[in-house]
Amino acid sequence: MLEDTLEDFIKAEGLSPSKFYASLSKVEKEGSRRDLILLKMIQAQEDYKAFVEQMRQEAKRRHSEEEKDNGGASSKTASAAPKVRAK
């Protein structure tokens, strides 16, 4: 959701992604406290997306291993695991 908002903002401002990220780098070095808080929020959102993707991959890997160990049959624990979707 935040990513879509940022993309819309970049387009509306007529910026390229590289210029936008260069300005974020400048804020990181010279920004006000308020600017830094916003920047950390943006970075945390990206970190969360990466974390969710890693957890998905790990769950998929474990599920594959479990199926291999069980001769292709899924166990009850693997099928009962909730499915997580990143936004």
Foldseek 3Di string as FASTA:
>chain_A
DVVVVVVVVCVVVVHDVVVVVVVLVVCCVDNDPVSVVVSVVVVVLVVVVVVLVVVVVVLVVVQVVQCVVVVNDGDPVSVPDDDDDRD
